[in-house]
Amino acid sequence: MSEGNNAARRTEDIALDLLKFVASQAHVGTKTAGGTGFGVATSSKPEDQVTELLELYARCRQVVEAPVK
């Protein structure tokens, strides 16, 4: 693997870890809403839940890949 592939993979891994954390805290992709007040409206259809998770992953990638100021 080249160094560029290692960096890209690391970014993807970090974004995935962030996704797991945020999804678990906000109860994204679960059938019940969380009682923390941070939960998002959950969808009853699995397709909608998958879409929510994919959108969240894309947002996590944007955050992880954003330049540090």
N, C-alpha and C. Protein backbone atom coordinates (compact mmCIF):
# COMPACT_ATOMS: atom_id res chain seq x y z
N MET A 1 0.83 -1.19 0.00
CA MET A 1 0.00 0.00 0.00
C MET A 1 0.87 1.25 0.00
N SER A 2 0.40 2.23 -0.70
CA SER A 2 1.15 3.48 -0.70
C SER A 2 0.76 4.30 0.52
N GLU A 3 1.56 5.32 0.78
CA GLU A 3 1.30 6.18 1.95
C GLU A 3 -0.04 6.89 1.82
N GLY A 4 -0.42 7.29 0.61
CA GLY A 4 -1.70 7.95 0.38
C GLY A 4 -2.87 7.05 0.74
N ASN A 5 -2.78 5.77 0.39
CA ASN A 5 -3.85 4.84 0.73
C ASN A 5 -3.95 4.64 2.23
N ASN A 6 -2.83 4.62 2.93
CA ASN A 6 -2.86 4.47 4.38
C ASN A 6 -3.54 5.67 5.03
N ALA A 7 -3.24 6.87 4.55
CA ALA A 7 -3.85 8.07 5.11
C ALA A 7 -5.34 8.09 4.85
N ALA A 8 -5.75 7.70 3.62
CA ALA A 8 -7.17 7.68 3.30
C ALA A 8 -7.90 6.64 4.14
N ARG A 9 -7.30 5.51 4.32
CA ARG A 9 -7.93 4.47 5.13
C ARG A 9 -8.05 4.92 6.57
N ARG A 10 -7.05 5.57 7.08
CA ARG A 10 -7.10 6.06 8.45
C ARG A 10 -8.23 7.08 8.61
N THR A 11 -8.38 7.96 7.66
CA THR A 11 -9.47 8.94 7.70
C THR A 11 -10.83 8.24 7.69
N GLU A 12 -10.96 7.21 6.87
CA GLU A 12 -12.21 6.47 6.82
C GLU A 12 -12.48 5.76 8.14
N ASP A 13 -11.44 5.21 8.75
CA ASP A 13 -11.61 4.54 10.03
C ASP A 13 -12.04 5.51 11.12
N ILE A 14 -11.43 6.68 11.13
CA ILE A 14 -11.79 7.70 12.13
C ILE A 14 -13.23 8.14 11.92
N ALA A 15 -13.62 8.35 10.67
CA ALA A 15 -15.00 8.75 10.37
C ALA A 15 -15.98 7.66 10.79
N LEU A 16 -15.61 6.41 10.59
CA LEU A 16 -16.47 5.31 10.98
C LEU A 16 -16.62 5.24 12.50
N ASP A 17 -15.53 5.43 13.21
CA ASP A 17 -15.60 5.46 14.68
C ASP A 17 -16.48 6.61 15.16
N LEU A 18 -16.34 7.77 14.51
CA LEU A 18 -17.17 8.92 14.87
C LEU A 18 -18.64 8.62 14.59
N LEU A 19 -18.91 7.98 13.46
CA LEU A 19 -20.28 7.59 13.12
C LEU A 19 -20.86 6.68 14.19
N LYS A 20 -20.09 5.68 14.60
CA LYS A 20 -20.58 4.75 15.63
C LYS A 20 -20.91 5.48 16.92
N PHE A 21 -20.04 6.40 17.30
CA PHE A 21 -20.27 7.14 18.54
C PHE A 21 -21.52 8.02 18.44
N VAL A 22 -21.59 8.82 17.38
CA VAL A 22 -22.72 9.74 17.24
C VAL A 22 -24.02 8.96 17.09
N ALA A 23 -24.01 7.91 16.30
CA ALA A 23 -25.22 7.12 16.09
C ALA A 23 -25.70 6.49 17.39
N SER A 24 -24.77 6.02 18.21
CA SER A 24 -25.18 5.40 19.47
C SER A 24 -25.71 6.43 20.45
N GLN A 25 -25.12 7.62 20.45
CA GLN A 25 -25.57 8.66 21.37
C GLN A 25 -26.90 9.28 20.95
N ALA A 26 -27.10 9.41 19.64
CA ALA A 26 -28.31 10.03 19.12
C ALA A 26 -29.37 9.00 18.74
N HIS A 27 -29.03 7.71 18.92
CA HIS A 27 -29.95 6.62 18.60
C HIS A 27 -30.38 6.65 17.14
N VAL A 28 -29.46 7.00 16.26
CA VAL A 28 -29.74 7.00 14.82
C VAL A 28 -29.72 5.55 14.36
N GLY A 29 -30.70 5.18 13.60
CA GLY A 29 -30.76 3.82 13.08
C GLY A 29 -31.42 2.83 14.03
N THR A 30 -31.91 3.31 15.16
CA THR A 30 -32.62 2.43 16.08
C THR A 30 -34.11 2.70 15.97
N LYS A 31 -34.89 1.78 16.48
CA LYS A 31 -36.34 1.92 16.36
C LYS A 31 -36.94 2.79 17.47
N THR A 32 -36.21 3.01 18.55
CA THR A 32 -36.73 3.82 19.63
C THR A 32 -35.92 5.10 19.74
N ALA A 33 -36.60 6.18 20.06
CA ALA A 33 -35.92 7.46 20.23
C ALA A 33 -35.26 7.49 21.60
N GLY A 34 -34.17 8.21 21.68
CA GLY A 34 -33.45 8.31 22.94
C GLY A 34 -34.08 9.30 23.89
N GLY A 35 -33.80 9.15 25.16
CA GLY A 35 -34.34 10.05 26.15
C GLY A 35 -33.39 11.16 26.52
N THR A 36 -32.30 11.32 25.78
CA THR A 36 -31.30 12.33 26.11
C THR A 36 -31.67 13.70 25.60
N GLY A 37 -32.63 13.77 24.70
CA GLY A 37 -32.98 15.05 24.11
C GLY A 37 -32.17 15.34 22.86
N PHE A 38 -31.21 14.48 22.54
CA PHE A 38 -30.38 14.68 21.36
C PHE A 38 -30.77 13.75 20.23
N GLY A 39 -31.75 12.93 20.44
CA GLY A 39 -32.16 11.96 19.44
C GLY A 39 -32.80 12.64 18.24
N VAL A 40 -32.69 11.99 17.12
CA VAL A 40 -33.35 12.48 15.92
C VAL A 40 -34.58 11.63 15.68
N ALA A 41 -35.48 12.16 14.89
CA ALA A 41 -36.68 11.39 14.58
C ALA A 41 -36.28 10.13 13.85
N THR A 42 -36.73 9.01 14.36
CA THR A 42 -36.37 7.75 13.73
C THR A 42 -37.44 7.36 12.72
N SER A 43 -37.02 6.69 11.70
CA SER A 43 -37.93 6.24 10.66
C SER A 43 -38.31 4.80 10.93
N SER A 44 -39.50 4.44 10.49
CA SER A 44 -39.94 3.07 10.70
C SER A 44 -39.41 2.15 9.61
N LYS A 45 -39.06 2.70 8.45
CA LYS A 45 -38.60 1.86 7.35
C LYS A 45 -37.09 1.66 7.42
N PRO A 46 -36.62 0.44 7.28
CA PRO A 46 -35.17 0.18 7.30
C PRO A 46 -34.42 0.97 6.24
N GLU A 47 -35.04 1.19 5.09
CA GLU A 47 -34.38 1.94 4.02
C GLU A 47 -34.08 3.37 4.47
N ASP A 48 -35.01 3.96 5.21
CA ASP A 48 -34.81 5.32 5.72
C ASP A 48 -33.70 5.35 6.77
N GLN A 49 -33.64 4.31 7.59
CA GLN A 49 -32.58 4.24 8.60
C GLN A 49 -31.21 4.11 7.95
N VAL A 50 -31.13 3.32 6.89
CA VAL A 50 -29.87 3.18 6.16
C VAL A 50 -29.47 4.51 5.55
N THR A 51 -30.44 5.20 4.96
CA THR A 51 -30.16 6.51 4.37
C THR A 51 -29.64 7.48 5.42
N GLU A 52 -30.26 7.48 6.61
CA GLU A 52 -29.80 8.36 7.69
C GLU A 52 -28.36 8.04 8.09
N LEU A 53 -28.04 6.75 8.18
CA LEU A 53 -26.68 6.36 8.56
C LEU A 53 -25.67 6.75 7.49
N LEU A 54 -26.02 6.57 6.23
CA LEU A 54 -25.11 6.96 5.15
C LEU A 54 -24.88 8.46 5.12
N GLU A 55 -25.94 9.23 5.33
CA GLU A 55 -25.80 10.69 5.38
C GLU A 55 -24.94 11.11 6.57
N LEU A 56 -25.12 10.44 7.69
CA LEU A 56 -24.31 10.74 8.87
C LEU A 56 -22.85 10.40 8.63
N TYR A 57 -22.59 9.27 7.96
CA TYR A 57 -21.22 8.89 7.65
C TYR A 57 -20.56 9.93 6.73
N ALA A 58 -21.31 10.41 5.75
CA ALA A 58 -20.78 11.44 4.84
C ALA A 58 -20.42 12.70 5.62
N ARG A 59 -21.26 13.09 6.57
CA ARG A 59 -20.98 14.26 7.40
C ARG A 59 -19.77 14.03 8.30
N CYS A 60 -19.63 12.81 8.81
CA CYS A 60 -18.46 12.48 9.64
C CYS A 60 -17.19 12.56 8.81
N ARG A 61 -17.22 12.08 7.57
CA ARG A 61 -16.05 12.16 6.68
C ARG A 61 -15.68 13.61 6.42
N GLN A 62 -16.68 14.47 6.21
CA GLN A 62 -16.41 15.89 5.97
C GLN A 62 -15.71 16.51 7.16
N VAL A 63 -16.18 16.18 8.35
CA VAL A 63 -15.59 16.74 9.56
C VAL A 63 -14.16 16.26 9.74
N VAL A 64 -13.94 14.97 9.55
CA VAL A 64 -12.61 14.39 9.74
C VAL A 64 -11.63 14.91 8.69
N GLU A 65 -12.09 15.11 7.48
CA GLU A 65 -11.21 15.53 6.40
C GLU A 65 -11.06 17.04 6.30
N ALA A 66 -11.81 17.80 7.09
CA ALA A 66 -11.72 19.26 7.04
C ALA A 66 -10.33 19.71 7.49
N PRO A 67 -9.81 20.74 6.84
CA PRO A 67 -8.49 21.24 7.24
C PRO A 67 -8.54 21.85 8.64
N VAL A 68 -7.47 21.64 9.36
CA VAL A 68 -7.37 22.19 10.72
C VAL A 68 -6.99 23.65 10.62
N LYS A 69 -7.71 24.50 11.33
CA LYS A 69 -7.45 25.94 11.26
C LYS A 69 -6.53 26.36 12.38
